Amino acid sequence: MNHAGKILTMVILVLAGAALLAFPQFASTEAEQQMQGMDHGAQSASEPVPAFHAQPPEGELPPTMPPSIYTDKLIFNAYAVAGRVKKVLYQEPCYCHCDRSNGHASLLDCFASRHGAGCDTCIKEAFYSYEQTHKGKTPAQIRDGIVRGDWQKVDLAKYQKDYLPPVSASSK
């Protein structure tokens, strides 16, 4: 009986361990599914705006990742435009809430790292900021549009056609 009791105890421990390993996987999958269904543009009044800098940068900004490390045209182009409007991105929030998960202080941090390559929110906000800058909008006006969710209306199709030239060293 003693031998059977040890085997039963061992089986129970193995099953309990397997259950503990499996449970977090299901929990994270459910959380990811909930995140995919979230409408990031419909911000509730009680939700705080993600981190951003209210003023232009006073010093040197970090470089964005070089677009050339990405073969996907959309991602390449997102990093290309991010390099062109770094001072604007420095003053914009990012509604993927990477300020909470990655410690980012603004949308620029998404493109100073590889984070932006895997995030549709960051990509759309970067293109939105770029387009609005070329329309003469100030960073504060662009930020208001991002907070309203206007970045969700960006047409990504035009950025998937051709590679944009990266920012030149002389224009930084």
N, C-alpha and C. Protein backbone atom coordinates (compact mmCIF):
# COMPACT_ATOMS: atom_id res chain seq x y z
N MET A 1 0.82 -1.20 0.00
CA MET A 1 0.00 0.00 0.00
C MET A 1 0.86 1.25 0.00
N ASN A 2 1.97 1.20 0.68
CA ASN A 2 2.87 2.34 0.77
C ASN A 2 3.39 2.71 -0.62
N HIS A 3 3.73 1.72 -1.42
CA HIS A 3 4.21 1.95 -2.78
C HIS A 3 3.11 2.57 -3.64
N ALA A 4 1.89 2.09 -3.54
CA ALA A 4 0.75 2.62 -4.29
C ALA A 4 0.45 4.06 -3.87
N GLY A 5 0.58 4.37 -2.61
CA GLY A 5 0.36 5.73 -2.11
C GLY A 5 1.36 6.71 -2.68
N LYS A 6 2.61 6.29 -2.80
CA LYS A 6 3.65 7.14 -3.37
C LYS A 6 3.38 7.40 -4.85
N ILE A 7 2.95 6.36 -5.55
CA ILE A 7 2.65 6.52 -6.98
C ILE A 7 1.45 7.46 -7.15
N LEU A 8 0.43 7.29 -6.34
CA LEU A 8 -0.74 8.17 -6.41
C LEU A 8 -0.35 9.62 -6.11
N THR A 9 0.47 9.82 -5.11
CA THR A 9 0.93 11.17 -4.77
C THR A 9 1.72 11.77 -5.93
N MET A 10 2.59 10.97 -6.55
CA MET A 10 3.38 11.44 -7.68
C MET A 10 2.49 11.82 -8.85
N VAL A 11 1.48 11.03 -9.14
CA VAL A 11 0.55 11.32 -10.23
C VAL A 11 -0.20 12.62 -9.96
N ILE A 12 -0.65 12.81 -8.74
CA ILE A 12 -1.37 14.04 -8.37
C ILE A 12 -0.47 15.25 -8.52
N LEU A 13 0.78 15.16 -8.11
CA LEU A 13 1.72 16.28 -8.24
C LEU A 13 2.00 16.60 -9.70
N VAL A 14 2.16 15.58 -10.52
CA VAL A 14 2.41 15.80 -11.94
C VAL A 14 1.20 16.47 -12.59
N LEU A 15 0.00 16.00 -12.27
CA LEU A 15 -1.21 16.60 -12.84
C LEU A 15 -1.39 18.04 -12.36
N ALA A 16 -1.11 18.29 -11.09
CA ALA A 16 -1.21 19.65 -10.56
C ALA A 16 -0.21 20.57 -11.25
N GLY A 17 1.01 20.10 -11.45
CA GLY A 17 2.02 20.89 -12.15
C GLY A 17 1.62 21.18 -13.58
N ALA A 18 1.07 20.18 -14.25
CA ALA A 18 0.62 20.37 -15.63
C ALA A 18 -0.52 21.38 -15.69
N ALA A 19 -1.41 21.34 -14.72
CA ALA A 19 -2.52 22.29 -14.69
C ALA A 19 -2.00 23.71 -14.48
N LEU A 20 -1.02 23.88 -13.61
CA LEU A 20 -0.45 25.21 -13.37
C LEU A 20 0.26 25.75 -14.61
N LEU A 21 0.91 24.88 -15.34
CA LEU A 21 1.57 25.32 -16.57
C LEU A 21 0.57 25.69 -17.65
N ALA A 22 -0.51 24.96 -17.74
CA ALA A 22 -1.49 25.20 -18.79
C ALA A 22 -2.35 26.42 -18.50
N PHE A 23 -2.67 26.67 -17.26
CA PHE A 23 -3.59 27.76 -16.92
C PHE A 23 -3.11 29.13 -17.39
N PRO A 24 -1.86 29.55 -17.14
CA PRO A 24 -1.44 30.87 -17.62
C PRO A 24 -1.50 31.00 -19.13
N GLN A 25 -1.28 29.91 -19.86
CA GLN A 25 -1.36 29.99 -21.30
C GLN A 25 -2.77 30.32 -21.75
N PHE A 26 -3.75 29.70 -21.14
CA PHE A 26 -5.13 30.00 -21.50
C PHE A 26 -5.50 31.41 -21.06
N ALA A 27 -5.02 31.84 -19.92
CA ALA A 27 -5.33 33.18 -19.43
C ALA A 27 -4.76 34.24 -20.36
N SER A 28 -3.51 34.07 -20.82
CA SER A 28 -2.92 35.07 -21.70
C SER A 28 -3.60 35.05 -23.06
N THR A 29 -3.99 33.89 -23.54
CA THR A 29 -4.69 33.82 -24.81
C THR A 29 -6.02 34.57 -24.73
N GLU A 30 -6.73 34.39 -23.65
CA GLU A 30 -7.99 35.11 -23.47
C GLU A 30 -7.74 36.61 -23.39
N ALA A 31 -6.70 37.02 -22.68
CA ALA A 31 -6.38 38.44 -22.57
C ALA A 31 -6.01 39.02 -23.93
N GLU A 32 -5.25 38.25 -24.72
CA GLU A 32 -4.89 38.72 -26.05
C GLU A 32 -6.13 38.86 -26.92
N GLN A 33 -7.05 37.92 -26.81
CA GLN A 33 -8.28 38.01 -27.59
C GLN A 33 -9.09 39.24 -27.19
N GLN A 34 -9.11 39.55 -25.91
CA GLN A 34 -9.82 40.74 -25.46
C GLN A 34 -9.16 42.00 -26.00
N MET A 35 -7.81 42.03 -26.01
CA MET A 35 -7.09 43.19 -26.53
C MET A 35 -7.36 43.39 -28.01
N GLN A 36 -7.43 42.30 -28.78
CA GLN A 36 -7.67 42.41 -30.21
C GLN A 36 -9.04 43.01 -30.48
N GLY A 37 -9.98 42.76 -29.63
CA GLY A 37 -11.32 43.27 -29.82
C GLY A 37 -11.54 44.67 -29.28
N MET A 38 -10.53 45.22 -28.63
CA MET A 38 -10.69 46.55 -28.04
C MET A 38 -10.71 47.62 -29.12
N ASP A 39 -11.50 48.64 -28.92
CA ASP A 39 -11.54 49.79 -29.80
C ASP A 39 -10.67 50.86 -29.16
N HIS A 40 -9.44 50.98 -29.64
CA HIS A 40 -8.51 51.93 -29.05
C HIS A 40 -8.89 53.38 -29.36
N GLY A 41 -9.75 53.59 -30.34
CA GLY A 41 -10.11 54.96 -30.69
C GLY A 41 -11.19 55.52 -29.80
N ALA A 42 -12.02 54.70 -29.25
CA ALA A 42 -13.10 55.17 -28.40
C ALA A 42 -12.59 55.24 -26.96
N GLN A 43 -11.90 56.31 -26.66
CA GLN A 43 -11.30 56.46 -25.35
C GLN A 43 -12.37 56.94 -24.37
N SER A 44 -12.41 56.31 -23.24
CA SER A 44 -13.36 56.75 -22.22
C SER A 44 -12.77 57.96 -21.49
N ALA A 45 -13.62 58.78 -20.96
CA ALA A 45 -13.19 59.99 -20.27
C ALA A 45 -12.34 59.65 -19.05
N SER A 46 -12.55 58.49 -18.46
CA SER A 46 -11.80 58.13 -17.26
C SER A 46 -10.44 57.52 -17.57
N GLU A 47 -10.21 57.11 -18.82
CA GLU A 47 -8.93 56.50 -19.19
C GLU A 47 -7.89 57.60 -19.40
N PRO A 48 -6.76 57.50 -18.71
CA PRO A 48 -5.73 58.53 -18.89
C PRO A 48 -5.06 58.42 -20.25
N VAL A 49 -4.63 59.55 -20.78
CA VAL A 49 -3.88 59.57 -22.03
C VAL A 49 -2.52 58.94 -21.76
N PRO A 50 -2.06 58.06 -22.64
CA PRO A 50 -0.73 57.46 -22.43
C PRO A 50 0.37 58.52 -22.40
N ALA A 51 1.55 58.12 -21.96
CA ALA A 51 2.67 59.03 -21.78
C ALA A 51 3.06 59.75 -23.07
N PHE A 52 3.41 61.02 -22.94
CA PHE A 52 3.94 61.83 -24.04
C PHE A 52 4.66 63.03 -23.42
N HIS A 53 5.41 63.73 -24.23
CA HIS A 53 6.08 64.95 -23.78
C HIS A 53 5.29 66.14 -24.31
N ALA A 54 4.89 67.04 -23.44
CA ALA A 54 4.07 68.18 -23.83
C ALA A 54 4.87 69.25 -24.57
N GLN A 55 6.17 69.26 -24.39
CA GLN A 55 7.03 70.28 -25.00
C GLN A 55 7.98 69.63 -26.00
N PRO A 56 8.50 70.43 -26.95
CA PRO A 56 9.49 69.88 -27.89
C PRO A 56 10.74 69.43 -27.13
N PRO A 57 11.50 68.54 -27.73
CA PRO A 57 12.71 68.07 -27.05
C PRO A 57 13.74 69.18 -26.91
N GLU A 58 14.47 69.15 -25.82
CA GLU A 58 15.51 70.16 -25.60
C GLU A 58 16.87 69.67 -26.07
N GLY A 59 17.06 68.38 -26.09
CA GLY A 59 18.36 67.83 -26.49
C GLY A 59 18.23 66.91 -27.68
N GLU A 60 19.26 66.12 -27.83
CA GLU A 60 19.33 65.14 -28.91
C GLU A 60 18.29 64.03 -28.67
N LEU A 61 17.63 63.61 -29.72
CA LEU A 61 16.67 62.51 -29.63
C LEU A 61 17.35 61.20 -30.01
N PRO A 62 16.86 60.09 -29.49
CA PRO A 62 17.44 58.81 -29.88
C PRO A 62 17.16 58.54 -31.36
N PRO A 63 18.04 57.83 -32.03
CA PRO A 63 17.77 57.50 -33.43
C PRO A 63 16.65 56.47 -33.51
N THR A 64 15.93 56.51 -34.60
CA THR A 64 14.96 55.45 -34.86
C THR A 64 15.74 54.27 -35.44
N MET A 65 15.16 53.10 -35.35
CA MET A 65 15.80 51.91 -35.93
C MET A 65 15.89 52.14 -37.45
N PRO A 66 16.94 51.67 -38.08
CA PRO A 66 17.05 51.88 -39.53
C PRO A 66 15.97 51.09 -40.28
N PRO A 67 15.26 51.76 -41.18
CA PRO A 67 14.21 51.06 -41.94
C PRO A 67 14.75 49.85 -42.70
N SER A 68 16.00 49.91 -43.11
CA SER A 68 16.58 48.87 -43.96
C SER A 68 16.63 47.50 -43.29
N ILE A 69 16.44 47.41 -41.98
CA ILE A 69 16.45 46.10 -41.34
C ILE A 69 15.12 45.36 -41.52
N TYR A 70 14.15 46.05 -42.12
CA TYR A 70 12.83 45.45 -42.35
C TYR A 70 12.59 45.28 -43.84
N THR A 71 12.15 44.10 -44.25
CA THR A 71 11.85 43.86 -45.65
C THR A 71 10.38 44.15 -45.99
N ASP A 72 9.51 44.08 -45.00
CA ASP A 72 8.10 44.39 -45.23
C ASP A 72 7.97 45.88 -45.54
N LYS A 73 7.35 46.22 -46.67
CA LYS A 73 7.27 47.62 -47.10
C LYS A 73 6.56 48.51 -46.08
N LEU A 74 5.48 48.01 -45.50
CA LEU A 74 4.74 48.83 -44.54
C LEU A 74 5.60 49.17 -43.32
N ILE A 75 6.28 48.19 -42.79
CA ILE A 75 7.12 48.42 -41.61
C ILE A 75 8.32 49.30 -41.99
N PHE A 76 8.95 49.01 -43.13
CA PHE A 76 10.04 49.84 -43.63
C PHE A 76 9.59 51.30 -43.68
N ASN A 77 8.43 51.54 -44.29
CA ASN A 77 7.93 52.90 -44.46
C ASN A 77 7.55 53.55 -43.12
N ALA A 78 7.05 52.76 -42.19
CA ALA A 78 6.73 53.32 -40.87
C ALA A 78 8.00 53.84 -40.19
N TYR A 79 9.07 53.08 -40.27
CA TYR A 79 10.34 53.52 -39.67
C TYR A 79 10.94 54.67 -40.47
N ALA A 80 10.74 54.69 -41.79
CA ALA A 80 11.24 55.79 -42.61
C ALA A 80 10.56 57.11 -42.22
N VAL A 81 9.22 57.09 -42.08
CA VAL A 81 8.53 58.33 -41.71
C VAL A 81 8.81 58.70 -40.25
N ALA A 82 8.97 57.71 -39.39
CA ALA A 82 9.28 58.00 -37.99
C ALA A 82 10.60 58.77 -37.89
N GLY A 83 11.57 58.40 -38.71
CA GLY A 83 12.84 59.11 -38.72
C GLY A 83 12.71 60.54 -39.21
N ARG A 84 11.69 60.81 -40.00
CA ARG A 84 11.46 62.16 -40.54
C ARG A 84 10.75 63.08 -39.56
N VAL A 85 9.96 62.50 -38.66
CA VAL A 85 9.15 63.34 -37.75
C VAL A 85 9.42 62.98 -36.28
N LYS A 86 10.68 62.74 -35.95
CA LYS A 86 11.03 62.33 -34.59
C LYS A 86 10.58 63.35 -33.54
N LYS A 87 10.74 64.65 -33.84
CA LYS A 87 10.37 65.68 -32.86
C LYS A 87 8.87 65.69 -32.60
N VAL A 88 8.10 65.32 -33.61
CA VAL A 88 6.64 65.24 -33.45
C VAL A 88 6.29 63.98 -32.64
N LEU A 89 6.86 62.84 -33.02
CA LEU A 89 6.55 61.59 -32.32
C LEU A 89 6.93 61.67 -30.84
N TYR A 90 7.96 62.44 -30.53
CA TYR A 90 8.39 62.65 -29.14
C TYR A 90 7.26 63.25 -28.31
N GLN A 91 6.37 64.01 -28.97
CA GLN A 91 5.29 64.72 -28.28
C GLN A 91 3.94 64.03 -28.39
N GLU A 92 3.94 62.77 -28.86
CA GLU A 92 2.68 62.06 -29.06
C GLU A 92 2.55 60.84 -28.16
N PRO A 93 1.31 60.57 -27.69
CA PRO A 93 1.06 59.35 -26.91
C PRO A 93 0.91 58.15 -27.84
N CYS A 94 0.98 56.98 -27.28
CA CYS A 94 0.77 55.75 -28.07
C CYS A 94 -0.32 54.93 -27.39
N TYR A 95 -1.40 54.72 -28.12
CA TYR A 95 -2.56 54.03 -27.56
C TYR A 95 -2.47 52.51 -27.57
N CYS A 96 -1.29 51.96 -27.78
CA CYS A 96 -1.13 50.52 -27.51
C CYS A 96 -0.71 50.38 -26.04
N HIS A 97 -0.58 51.51 -25.37
CA HIS A 97 -0.25 51.58 -23.94
C HIS A 97 1.10 50.94 -23.61
N CYS A 98 2.05 51.13 -24.53
CA CYS A 98 3.41 50.62 -24.28
C CYS A 98 4.10 51.43 -23.19
N ASP A 99 3.51 52.55 -22.79
CA ASP A 99 4.07 53.27 -21.64
C ASP A 99 3.93 52.41 -20.39
N ARG A 100 2.86 51.64 -20.32
CA ARG A 100 2.64 50.75 -19.17
C ARG A 100 3.45 49.45 -19.29
N SER A 101 3.43 48.87 -20.49
CA SER A 101 4.05 47.55 -20.65
C SER A 101 5.55 47.61 -20.92
N ASN A 102 6.02 48.67 -21.60
CA ASN A 102 7.44 48.75 -21.98
C ASN A 102 8.15 49.96 -21.40
N GLY A 103 7.44 50.80 -20.66
CA GLY A 103 8.07 51.99 -20.08
C GLY A 103 8.34 53.10 -21.08
N HIS A 104 7.65 53.08 -22.21
CA HIS A 104 7.87 54.12 -23.22
C HIS A 104 7.34 55.46 -22.72
N ALA A 105 8.04 56.53 -23.10
CA ALA A 105 7.66 57.87 -22.67
C ALA A 105 6.92 58.63 -23.77
N SER A 106 6.88 58.07 -24.98
CA SER A 106 6.17 58.70 -26.09
C SER A 106 6.16 57.73 -27.27
N LEU A 107 5.49 58.13 -28.33
CA LEU A 107 5.42 57.32 -29.55
C LEU A 107 6.80 57.14 -30.17
N LEU A 108 7.70 58.08 -29.99
CA LEU A 108 9.04 57.95 -30.55
C LEU A 108 9.75 56.69 -30.04
N ASP A 109 9.55 56.36 -28.78
CA ASP A 109 10.22 55.18 -28.21
C ASP A 109 9.86 53.90 -28.95
N CYS A 110 8.68 53.85 -29.55
CA CYS A 110 8.25 52.66 -30.30
C CYS A 110 9.14 52.44 -31.52
N PHE A 111 9.67 53.53 -32.09
CA PHE A 111 10.47 53.44 -33.30
C PHE A 111 11.96 53.57 -33.03
N ALA A 112 12.31 53.91 -31.80
CA ALA A 112 13.71 53.87 -31.37
C ALA A 112 14.05 52.43 -30.98
N SER A 113 13.03 51.58 -30.99
CA SER A 113 13.18 50.15 -30.69
C SER A 113 12.45 49.37 -31.78
N ARG A 114 12.44 48.07 -31.66
CA ARG A 114 11.75 47.22 -32.63
C ARG A 114 10.25 47.10 -32.33
N HIS A 115 9.80 47.70 -31.25
CA HIS A 115 8.40 47.57 -30.84
C HIS A 115 7.44 47.98 -31.96
N GLY A 116 7.72 49.10 -32.61
CA GLY A 116 6.82 49.60 -33.65
C GLY A 116 6.59 48.63 -34.78
N ALA A 117 7.56 47.77 -35.05
CA ALA A 117 7.44 46.82 -36.16
C ALA A 117 6.33 45.80 -35.95
N GLY A 118 5.98 45.54 -34.71
CA GLY A 118 4.98 44.53 -34.44
C GLY A 118 3.67 45.08 -33.93
N CYS A 119 3.45 46.38 -34.09
CA CYS A 119 2.26 46.99 -33.49
C CYS A 119 1.53 47.87 -34.50
N ASP A 120 0.33 47.45 -34.88
CA ASP A 120 -0.48 48.22 -35.83
C ASP A 120 -0.84 49.60 -35.30
N THR A 121 -1.05 49.71 -34.01
CA THR A 121 -1.39 51.00 -33.41
C THR A 121 -0.24 51.98 -33.60
N CYS A 122 0.97 51.56 -33.26
CA CYS A 122 2.15 52.42 -33.40
C CYS A 122 2.33 52.84 -34.86
N ILE A 123 2.20 51.88 -35.76
CA ILE A 123 2.38 52.15 -37.19
C ILE A 123 1.37 53.18 -37.67
N LYS A 124 0.10 52.98 -37.36
CA LYS A 124 -0.92 53.92 -37.81
C LYS A 124 -0.73 55.30 -37.19
N GLU A 125 -0.36 55.35 -35.91
CA GLU A 125 -0.13 56.65 -35.27
C GLU A 125 1.06 57.37 -35.89
N ALA A 126 2.09 56.63 -36.29
CA ALA A 126 3.26 57.25 -36.93
C ALA A 126 2.87 57.83 -38.29
N PHE A 127 2.14 57.07 -39.10
CA PHE A 127 1.70 57.58 -40.40
C PHE A 127 0.76 58.76 -40.22
N TYR A 128 -0.14 58.68 -39.24
CA TYR A 128 -1.05 59.79 -38.96
C TYR A 128 -0.25 61.05 -38.61
N SER A 129 0.72 60.90 -37.73
CA SER A 129 1.55 62.05 -37.31
C SER A 129 2.29 62.64 -38.50
N TYR A 130 2.83 61.78 -39.35
CA TYR A 130 3.56 62.21 -40.54
C TYR A 130 2.63 62.98 -41.48
N GLU A 131 1.45 62.43 -41.77
CA GLU A 131 0.51 63.08 -42.67
C GLU A 131 0.05 64.42 -42.13
N GLN A 132 -0.27 64.45 -40.85
CA GLN A 132 -0.76 65.70 -40.24
C GLN A 132 0.34 66.77 -40.18
N THR A 133 1.58 66.34 -39.97
CA THR A 133 2.71 67.27 -39.98
C THR A 133 2.81 67.93 -41.35
N HIS A 134 2.63 67.13 -42.41
CA HIS A 134 2.70 67.67 -43.77
C HIS A 134 1.48 68.52 -44.13
N LYS A 135 0.46 68.45 -43.32
CA LYS A 135 -0.70 69.33 -43.51
C LYS A 135 -0.55 70.61 -42.69
N GLY A 136 0.58 70.74 -41.97
CA GLY A 136 0.85 71.95 -41.20
C GLY A 136 0.33 71.92 -39.77
N LYS A 137 -0.10 70.76 -39.29
CA LYS A 137 -0.61 70.67 -37.92
C LYS A 137 0.54 70.69 -36.92
N THR A 138 0.27 71.27 -35.76
CA THR A 138 1.27 71.30 -34.69
C THR A 138 1.24 69.97 -33.94
N PRO A 139 2.30 69.65 -33.20
CA PRO A 139 2.27 68.42 -32.40
C PRO A 139 1.07 68.36 -31.44
N ALA A 140 0.68 69.50 -30.88
CA ALA A 140 -0.48 69.51 -29.97
C ALA A 140 -1.77 69.17 -30.73
N GLN A 141 -1.92 69.70 -31.93
CA GLN A 141 -3.11 69.39 -32.74
C GLN A 141 -3.11 67.91 -33.16
N ILE A 142 -1.94 67.41 -33.49
CA ILE A 142 -1.82 65.99 -33.86
C ILE A 142 -2.17 65.13 -32.65
N ARG A 143 -1.69 65.51 -31.50
CA ARG A 143 -1.98 64.77 -30.26
C ARG A 143 -3.49 64.74 -30.01
N ASP A 144 -4.17 65.86 -30.20
CA ASP A 144 -5.63 65.89 -30.03
C ASP A 144 -6.30 64.88 -30.96
N GLY A 145 -5.82 64.80 -32.21
CA GLY A 145 -6.37 63.84 -33.17
C GLY A 145 -6.10 62.41 -32.75
N ILE A 146 -4.92 62.15 -32.22
CA ILE A 146 -4.59 60.80 -31.76
C ILE A 146 -5.49 60.42 -30.60
N VAL A 147 -5.69 61.34 -29.67
CA VAL A 147 -6.54 61.07 -28.51
C VAL A 147 -7.98 60.80 -28.97
N ARG A 148 -8.44 61.49 -30.01
CA ARG A 148 -9.79 61.26 -30.56
C ARG A 148 -9.89 59.92 -31.29
N GLY A 149 -8.74 59.36 -31.68
CA GLY A 149 -8.76 58.11 -32.43
C GLY A 149 -8.69 58.29 -33.93
N ASP A 150 -8.37 59.50 -34.39
CA ASP A 150 -8.31 59.77 -35.83
C ASP A 150 -7.25 58.93 -36.55
N TRP A 151 -6.25 58.47 -35.82
CA TRP A 151 -5.19 57.65 -36.41
C TRP A 151 -5.73 56.35 -37.00
N GLN A 152 -6.90 55.91 -36.52
CA GLN A 152 -7.47 54.66 -37.01
C GLN A 152 -7.96 54.77 -38.45
N LYS A 153 -8.10 56.00 -38.95
CA LYS A 153 -8.60 56.21 -40.30
C LYS A 153 -7.48 56.24 -41.35
N VAL A 154 -6.24 56.06 -40.92
CA VAL A 154 -5.11 56.09 -41.85
C VAL A 154 -5.25 54.94 -42.85
N ASP A 155 -5.08 55.26 -44.13
CA ASP A 155 -5.13 54.26 -45.19
C ASP A 155 -3.72 53.68 -45.37
N LEU A 156 -3.54 52.45 -44.90
CA LEU A 156 -2.22 51.82 -44.96
C LEU A 156 -1.87 51.34 -46.36
N ALA A 157 -2.85 51.20 -47.24
CA ALA A 157 -2.60 50.66 -48.57
C ALA A 157 -1.54 51.46 -49.33
N LYS A 158 -1.55 52.77 -49.20
CA LYS A 158 -0.58 53.58 -49.95
C LYS A 158 0.84 53.40 -49.42
N TYR A 159 0.99 52.95 -48.19
CA TYR A 159 2.32 52.73 -47.62
C TYR A 159 2.83 51.31 -47.86
N GLN A 160 2.00 50.48 -48.49
CA GLN A 160 2.39 49.10 -48.78
C GLN A 160 2.85 48.92 -50.23
N LYS A 161 2.80 50.00 -51.03
CA LYS A 161 3.12 49.89 -52.45
C LYS A 161 4.62 50.00 -52.73
N ASP A 162 5.22 51.10 -52.35
CA ASP A 162 6.61 51.37 -52.67
C ASP A 162 7.38 51.73 -51.40
N TYR A 163 8.69 51.49 -51.43
CA TYR A 163 9.54 51.89 -50.32
C TYR A 163 9.75 53.40 -50.37
N LEU A 164 9.56 54.07 -49.25
CA LEU A 164 9.85 55.50 -49.15
C LEU A 164 11.34 55.66 -48.86
N PRO A 165 11.93 56.73 -49.33
CA PRO A 165 13.35 56.90 -48.98
C PRO A 165 13.48 57.23 -47.49
N PRO A 166 14.43 56.61 -46.81
CA PRO A 166 14.66 56.94 -45.40
C PRO A 166 15.14 58.39 -45.28
N VAL A 167 15.07 58.91 -44.09
CA VAL A 167 15.54 60.28 -43.84
C VAL A 167 17.04 60.32 -44.12
N SER A 168 17.48 61.37 -44.80
CA SER A 168 18.92 61.48 -45.08
C SER A 168 19.63 62.07 -43.87
N ALA A 169 20.90 61.82 -43.77
CA ALA A 169 21.69 62.31 -42.64
C ALA A 169 21.71 63.83 -42.60
N SER A 170 21.61 64.48 -43.74
CA SER A 170 21.65 65.95 -43.77
C SER A 170 20.36 66.59 -43.30
N SER A 171 19.24 65.85 -43.33
CA SER A 171 17.96 66.44 -42.94
C SER A 171 17.60 66.19 -41.49
N LYS A 172 18.46 65.49 -40.75
CA LYS A 172 18.16 65.19 -39.34
C LYS A 172 18.26 66.39 -38.51
